[in-house]
Amino acid sequence: MKRTIAAMIFVTLVGCGSKAKPADTTAMHRDEHANLPAEVVKFHDLLSPKWHAEKGPQRMKDACGAVADFTADADAIVKSAAPAHGDAAKWAPSTKELVDAVAAFKTSCEGTDEAAFDTAFQHMHESFHAVAEAAGGAMGNHDEHKDGDEHHHDDKK
């Protein structure tokens, strides 16, 4: 009995102690967006779990199901003032591009062509990053997840 308990304790300790603790990517991710206006963060929070979802029909269904929210959030961004710490010269053009990208995304959602959806979703994602960067946000190197499924934030829903 004592050997069994000792063996269980040993296995537990070895198992717990042998794995490196993962970095707190949620905190790092929040730090990336700390300087962003609330409207931009709201769009990000809507986009991120859909963008980082596994590609396929369910991703398309979920993202397209949020078209009205993407539209409303992009409209709120374009109506907001350029952040003081951002790039005022890039703010207005990037917010207009985001609104246009959301409109194109909406059009792609009206069909069933997954390739057209992927192209429009990619464009909307890139347009969002342009807005975030114009707002002065430290978006980091997001080239690593251009296709949507290589890089995951801890806020995946």
C-alpha atoms as a PDB file:
ATOM      1  CA  MET A   1       0.000   0.000   0.000  1.00  0.00           C
ATOM      2  CA  LYS A   2       2.787   2.406   0.929  1.00  0.00           C
ATOM      3  CA  ARG A   3       4.603   1.530  -2.284  1.00  0.00           C
ATOM      4  CA  THR A   4       1.494   2.255  -4.331  1.00  0.00           C
ATOM      5  CA  ILE A   5       1.021   5.647  -2.668  1.00  0.00           C
ATOM      6  CA  ALA A   6       4.723   6.446  -3.021  1.00  0.00           C
ATOM      7  CA  ALA A   7       4.621   5.445  -6.691  1.00  0.00           C
ATOM      8  CA  MET A   8       1.565   7.653  -7.290  1.00  0.00           C
ATOM      9  CA  ILE A   9       3.240  10.602  -5.596  1.00  0.00           C
ATOM     10  CA  PHE A  10       6.430  10.031  -7.607  1.00  0.00           C
ATOM     11  CA  VAL A  11       4.521   9.873 -10.916  1.00  0.00           C
ATOM     12  CA  THR A  12       2.576  13.005 -10.026  1.00  0.00           C
ATOM     13  CA  LEU A  13       5.694  14.939  -9.061  1.00  0.00           C
ATOM     14  CA  VAL A  14       7.632  13.829 -12.123  1.00  0.00           C
ATOM     15  CA  GLY A  15       4.699  14.619 -14.388  1.00  0.00           C
ATOM     16  CA  CYS A  16       4.153  18.054 -12.914  1.00  0.00           C
ATOM     17  CA  GLY A  17       7.786  18.948 -12.607  1.00  0.00           C
ATOM     18  CA  SER A  18       8.953  17.803 -16.016  1.00  0.00           C
ATOM     19  CA  LYS A  19       6.823  20.101 -18.121  1.00  0.00           C
ATOM     20  CA  ALA A  20       7.871  23.665 -18.712  1.00  0.00           C
ATOM     21  CA  LYS A  21       5.136  26.089 -17.885  1.00  0.00           C
ATOM     22  CA  PRO A  22       3.747  27.816 -20.959  1.00  0.00           C
ATOM     23  CA  ALA A  23       4.194  31.559 -21.258  1.00  0.00           C
ATOM     24  CA  ASP A  24       1.201  33.645 -20.289  1.00  0.00           C
ATOM     25  CA  THR A  25       0.214  34.422 -23.867  1.00  0.00           C
ATOM     26  CA  THR A  26      -3.100  35.914 -22.796  1.00  0.00           C
ATOM     27  CA  ALA A  27      -1.311  38.614 -20.824  1.00  0.00           C
ATOM     28  CA  MET A  28       1.170  39.197 -23.645  1.00  0.00           C
ATOM     29  CA  HIS A  29      -1.712  39.388 -26.118  1.00  0.00           C
ATOM     30  CA  ARG A  30      -3.552  41.921 -23.969  1.00  0.00           C
ATOM     31  CA  ASP A  31      -0.345  43.968 -23.720  1.00  0.00           C
ATOM     32  CA  GLU A  32      -0.180  44.055 -27.526  1.00  0.00           C
ATOM     33  CA  HIS A  33      -3.536  45.812 -27.561  1.00  0.00           C
ATOM     34  CA  ALA A  34      -3.183  47.971 -24.453  1.00  0.00           C
ATOM     35  CA  ASN A  35      -2.992  51.242 -26.402  1.00  0.00           C
ATOM     36  CA  LEU A  36      -5.799  50.486 -28.807  1.00  0.00           C
ATOM     37  CA  PRO A  37      -9.096  52.385 -28.715  1.00  0.00           C
ATOM     38  CA  ALA A  38     -12.046  50.457 -27.299  1.00  0.00           C
ATOM     39  CA  GLU A  39     -13.700  50.259 -30.730  1.00  0.00           C
ATOM     40  CA  VAL A  40     -10.618  48.577 -32.206  1.00  0.00           C
ATOM     41  CA  VAL A  41     -10.350  46.139 -29.305  1.00  0.00           C
ATOM     42  CA  LYS A  42     -14.026  45.256 -29.727  1.00  0.00           C
ATOM     43  CA  PHE A  43     -13.506  44.471 -33.416  1.00  0.00           C
ATOM     44  CA  HIS A  44     -10.446  42.419 -32.541  1.00  0.00           C
ATOM     45  CA  ASP A  45     -12.349  40.445 -29.916  1.00  0.00           C
ATOM     46  CA  LEU A  46     -14.996  39.598 -32.503  1.00  0.00           C
ATOM     47  CA  LEU A  47     -12.507  38.765 -35.256  1.00  0.00           C
ATOM     48  CA  SER A  48      -9.880  36.809 -33.339  1.00  0.00           C
ATOM     49  CA  PRO A  49     -11.762  33.605 -32.438  1.00  0.00           C
ATOM     50  CA  LYS A  50     -13.254  33.387 -35.917  1.00  0.00           C
ATOM     51  CA  TRP A  51      -9.949  34.069 -37.652  1.00  0.00           C
ATOM     52  CA  HIS A  52      -8.074  31.521 -35.547  1.00  0.00           C
ATOM     53  CA  ALA A  53     -10.707  28.808 -35.961  1.00  0.00           C
ATOM     54  CA  GLU A  54      -9.895  25.778 -38.079  1.00  0.00           C
ATOM     55  CA  LYS A  55     -10.515  26.480 -41.754  1.00  0.00           C
ATOM     56  CA  GLY A  56     -13.605  24.902 -43.211  1.00  0.00           C
ATOM     57  CA  PRO A  57     -17.362  25.227 -43.481  1.00  0.00           C
ATOM     58  CA  GLN A  58     -17.890  25.833 -39.743  1.00  0.00           C
ATOM     59  CA  ARG A  59     -15.405  28.726 -39.723  1.00  0.00           C
ATOM     60  CA  MET A  60     -17.177  30.244 -42.711  1.00  0.00           C
ATOM     61  CA  LYS A  61     -20.578  29.771 -41.072  1.00  0.00           C
ATOM     62  CA  ASP A  62     -19.451  31.312 -37.778  1.00  0.00           C
ATOM     63  CA  ALA A  63     -17.645  34.259 -39.363  1.00  0.00           C
ATOM     64  CA  CYS A  64     -20.459  34.978 -41.787  1.00  0.00           C
ATOM     65  CA  GLY A  65     -22.930  34.724 -38.934  1.00  0.00           C
ATOM     66  CA  ALA A  66     -21.212  37.746 -37.402  1.00  0.00           C
ATOM     67  CA  VAL A  67     -21.400  40.007 -40.489  1.00  0.00           C
ATOM     68  CA  ALA A  68     -23.806  42.434 -38.808  1.00  0.00           C
ATOM     69  CA  ASP A  69     -21.472  42.746 -35.811  1.00  0.00           C
ATOM     70  CA  PHE A  70     -18.396  43.199 -38.040  1.00  0.00           C
ATOM     71  CA  THR A  71     -20.275  45.916 -39.944  1.00  0.00           C
ATOM     72  CA  ALA A  72     -21.405  47.724 -36.794  1.00  0.00           C
ATOM     73  CA  ASP A  73     -17.955  47.515 -35.215  1.00  0.00           C
ATOM     74  CA  ALA A  74     -16.197  48.752 -38.374  1.00  0.00           C
ATOM     75  CA  ASP A  75     -18.692  51.634 -38.589  1.00  0.00           C
ATOM     76  CA  ALA A  76     -17.944  52.542 -34.967  1.00  0.00           C
ATOM     77  CA  ILE A  77     -14.209  52.548 -35.717  1.00  0.00           C
ATOM     78  CA  VAL A  78     -14.521  54.768 -38.794  1.00  0.00           C
ATOM     79  CA  LYS A  79     -16.656  57.250 -36.808  1.00  0.00           C
ATOM     80  CA  SER A  80     -14.174  57.425 -33.934  1.00  0.00           C
ATOM     81  CA  ALA A  81     -11.438  60.023 -33.681  1.00  0.00           C
ATOM     82  CA  ALA A  82      -7.862  59.109 -34.523  1.00  0.00           C
ATOM     83  CA  PRO A  83      -6.030  58.118 -31.333  1.00  0.00           C
ATOM     84  CA  ALA A  84      -3.593  60.746 -30.065  1.00  0.00           C
ATOM     85  CA  HIS A  85      -0.752  58.223 -29.919  1.00  0.00           C
ATOM     86  CA  GLY A  86      -1.481  56.790 -33.372  1.00  0.00           C
ATOM     87  CA  ASP A  87      -0.633  57.784 -36.931  1.00  0.00           C
ATOM     88  CA  ALA A  88      -3.263  60.368 -37.845  1.00  0.00           C
ATOM     89  CA  ALA A  89      -2.284  60.300 -41.533  1.00  0.00           C
ATOM     90  CA  LYS A  90      -2.965  56.551 -41.737  1.00  0.00           C
ATOM     91  CA  TRP A  91      -6.044  56.456 -39.482  1.00  0.00           C
ATOM     92  CA  ALA A  92      -8.780  57.673 -41.862  1.00  0.00           C
ATOM     93  CA  PRO A  93      -7.603  55.693 -44.917  1.00  0.00           C
ATOM     94  CA  SER A  94      -7.159  52.502 -42.903  1.00  0.00           C
ATOM     95  CA  THR A  95     -10.567  52.774 -41.236  1.00  0.00           C
ATOM     96  CA  LYS A  96     -12.235  53.367 -44.620  1.00  0.00           C
ATOM     97  CA  GLU A  97     -10.378  50.343 -46.012  1.00  0.00           C
ATOM     98  CA  LEU A  98     -11.673  48.253 -43.105  1.00  0.00           C
ATOM     99  CA  VAL A  99     -15.267  49.315 -43.801  1.00  0.00           C
ATOM    100  CA  ASP A 100     -14.779  48.462 -47.484  1.00  0.00           C
ATOM    101  CA  ALA A 101     -13.197  45.105 -46.567  1.00  0.00           C
ATOM    102  CA  VAL A 102     -16.135  44.268 -44.292  1.00  0.00           C
ATOM    103  CA  ALA A 103     -18.536  45.093 -47.147  1.00  0.00           C
ATOM    104  CA  ALA A 104     -16.597  42.768 -49.476  1.00  0.00           C
ATOM    105  CA  PHE A 105     -16.589  40.127 -46.744  1.00  0.00           C
ATOM    106  CA  LYS A 106     -20.369  40.458 -46.431  1.00  0.00           C
ATOM    107  CA  THR A 107     -20.690  39.913 -50.189  1.00  0.00           C
ATOM    108  CA  SER A 108     -18.545  36.769 -49.970  1.00  0.00           C
ATOM    109  CA  CYS A 109     -20.830  35.485 -47.231  1.00  0.00           C
ATOM    110  CA  GLU A 110     -23.837  35.759 -49.516  1.00  0.00           C
ATOM    111  CA  GLY A 111     -22.426  32.920 -51.620  1.00  0.00           C
ATOM    112  CA  THR A 112     -21.075  29.455 -50.951  1.00  0.00           C
ATOM    113  CA  ASP A 113     -17.598  29.821 -52.490  1.00  0.00           C
ATOM    114  CA  GLU A 114     -15.184  29.009 -49.671  1.00  0.00           C
ATOM    115  CA  ALA A 115     -12.193  30.328 -51.674  1.00  0.00           C
ATOM    116  CA  ALA A 116     -13.926  33.698 -52.165  1.00  0.00           C
ATOM    117  CA  PHE A 117     -14.764  33.735 -48.467  1.00  0.00           C
ATOM    118  CA  ASP A 118     -11.132  32.985 -47.518  1.00  0.00           C
ATOM    119  CA  THR A 119      -9.860  35.798 -49.759  1.00  0.00           C
ATOM    120  CA  ALA A 120     -12.353  38.312 -48.364  1.00  0.00           C
ATOM    121  CA  PHE A 121     -11.751  37.179 -44.774  1.00  0.00           C
ATOM    122  CA  GLN A 122      -7.982  37.515 -45.281  1.00  0.00           C
ATOM    123  CA  HIS A 123      -8.459  41.044 -46.644  1.00  0.00           C
ATOM    124  CA  MET A 124     -10.671  42.031 -43.725  1.00  0.00           C
ATOM    125  CA  HIS A 125      -8.109  40.615 -41.296  1.00  0.00           C
ATOM    126  CA  GLU A 126      -5.247  42.529 -42.943  1.00  0.00           C
ATOM    127  CA  SER A 127      -7.347  45.700 -43.022  1.00  0.00           C
ATOM    128  CA  PHE A 128      -8.020  45.334 -39.319  1.00  0.00           C
ATOM    129  CA  HIS A 129      -4.278  45.075 -38.644  1.00  0.00           C
ATOM    130  CA  ALA A 130      -3.686  48.258 -40.648  1.00  0.00           C
ATOM    131  CA  VAL A 131      -6.229  50.041 -38.437  1.00  0.00           C
ATOM    132  CA  ALA A 132      -4.658  48.676 -35.259  1.00  0.00           C
ATOM    133  CA  GLU A 133      -1.209  49.783 -36.378  1.00  0.00           C
ATOM    134  CA  ALA A 134      -2.513  53.233 -37.370  1.00  0.00           C
ATOM    135  CA  ALA A 135      -4.012  53.430 -33.879  1.00  0.00           C
ATOM    136  CA  GLY A 136      -0.560  52.924 -32.405  1.00  0.00           C
ATOM    137  CA  GLY A 137      -1.128  49.334 -31.339  1.00  0.00           C
ATOM    138  CA  ALA A 138       1.820  46.988 -31.073  1.00  0.00           C
ATOM    139  CA  MET A 139       0.444  44.217 -33.263  1.00  0.00           C
ATOM    140  CA  GLY A 140       3.705  42.313 -33.387  1.00  0.00           C
ATOM    141  CA  ASN A 141       4.629  40.037 -36.277  1.00  0.00           C
ATOM    142  CA  HIS A 142       1.339  38.608 -37.424  1.00  0.00           C
ATOM    143  CA  ASP A 143       2.673  37.427 -40.790  1.00  0.00           C
ATOM    144  CA  GLU A 144       3.018  34.038 -39.117  1.00  0.00           C
ATOM    145  CA  HIS A 145      -0.731  33.544 -39.211  1.00  0.00           C
ATOM    146  CA  LYS A 146      -1.722  34.944 -42.565  1.00  0.00           C
ATOM    147  CA  ASP A 147      -3.666  31.795 -43.357  1.00  0.00           C
ATOM    148  CA  GLY A 148      -5.554  31.976 -40.112  1.00  0.00           C
ATOM    149  CA  ASP A 149      -4.716  28.772 -38.335  1.00  0.00           C
ATOM    150  CA  GLU A 150      -1.014  28.790 -37.507  1.00  0.00           C
ATOM    151  CA  HIS A 151      -1.056  31.123 -34.499  1.00  0.00           C
ATOM    152  CA  HIS A 152      -3.568  30.932 -31.690  1.00  0.00           C
ATOM    153  CA  HIS A 153      -4.300  33.438 -28.985  1.00  0.00           C
ATOM    154  CA  ASP A 154      -5.683  32.205 -25.680  1.00  0.00           C
ATOM    155  CA  ASP A 155      -8.904  34.095 -26.310  1.00  0.00           C
ATOM    156  CA  LYS A 156     -10.190  31.511 -28.808  1.00  0.00           C
ATOM    157  CA  LYS A 157     -13.870  30.988 -28.116  1.00  0.00           C
END
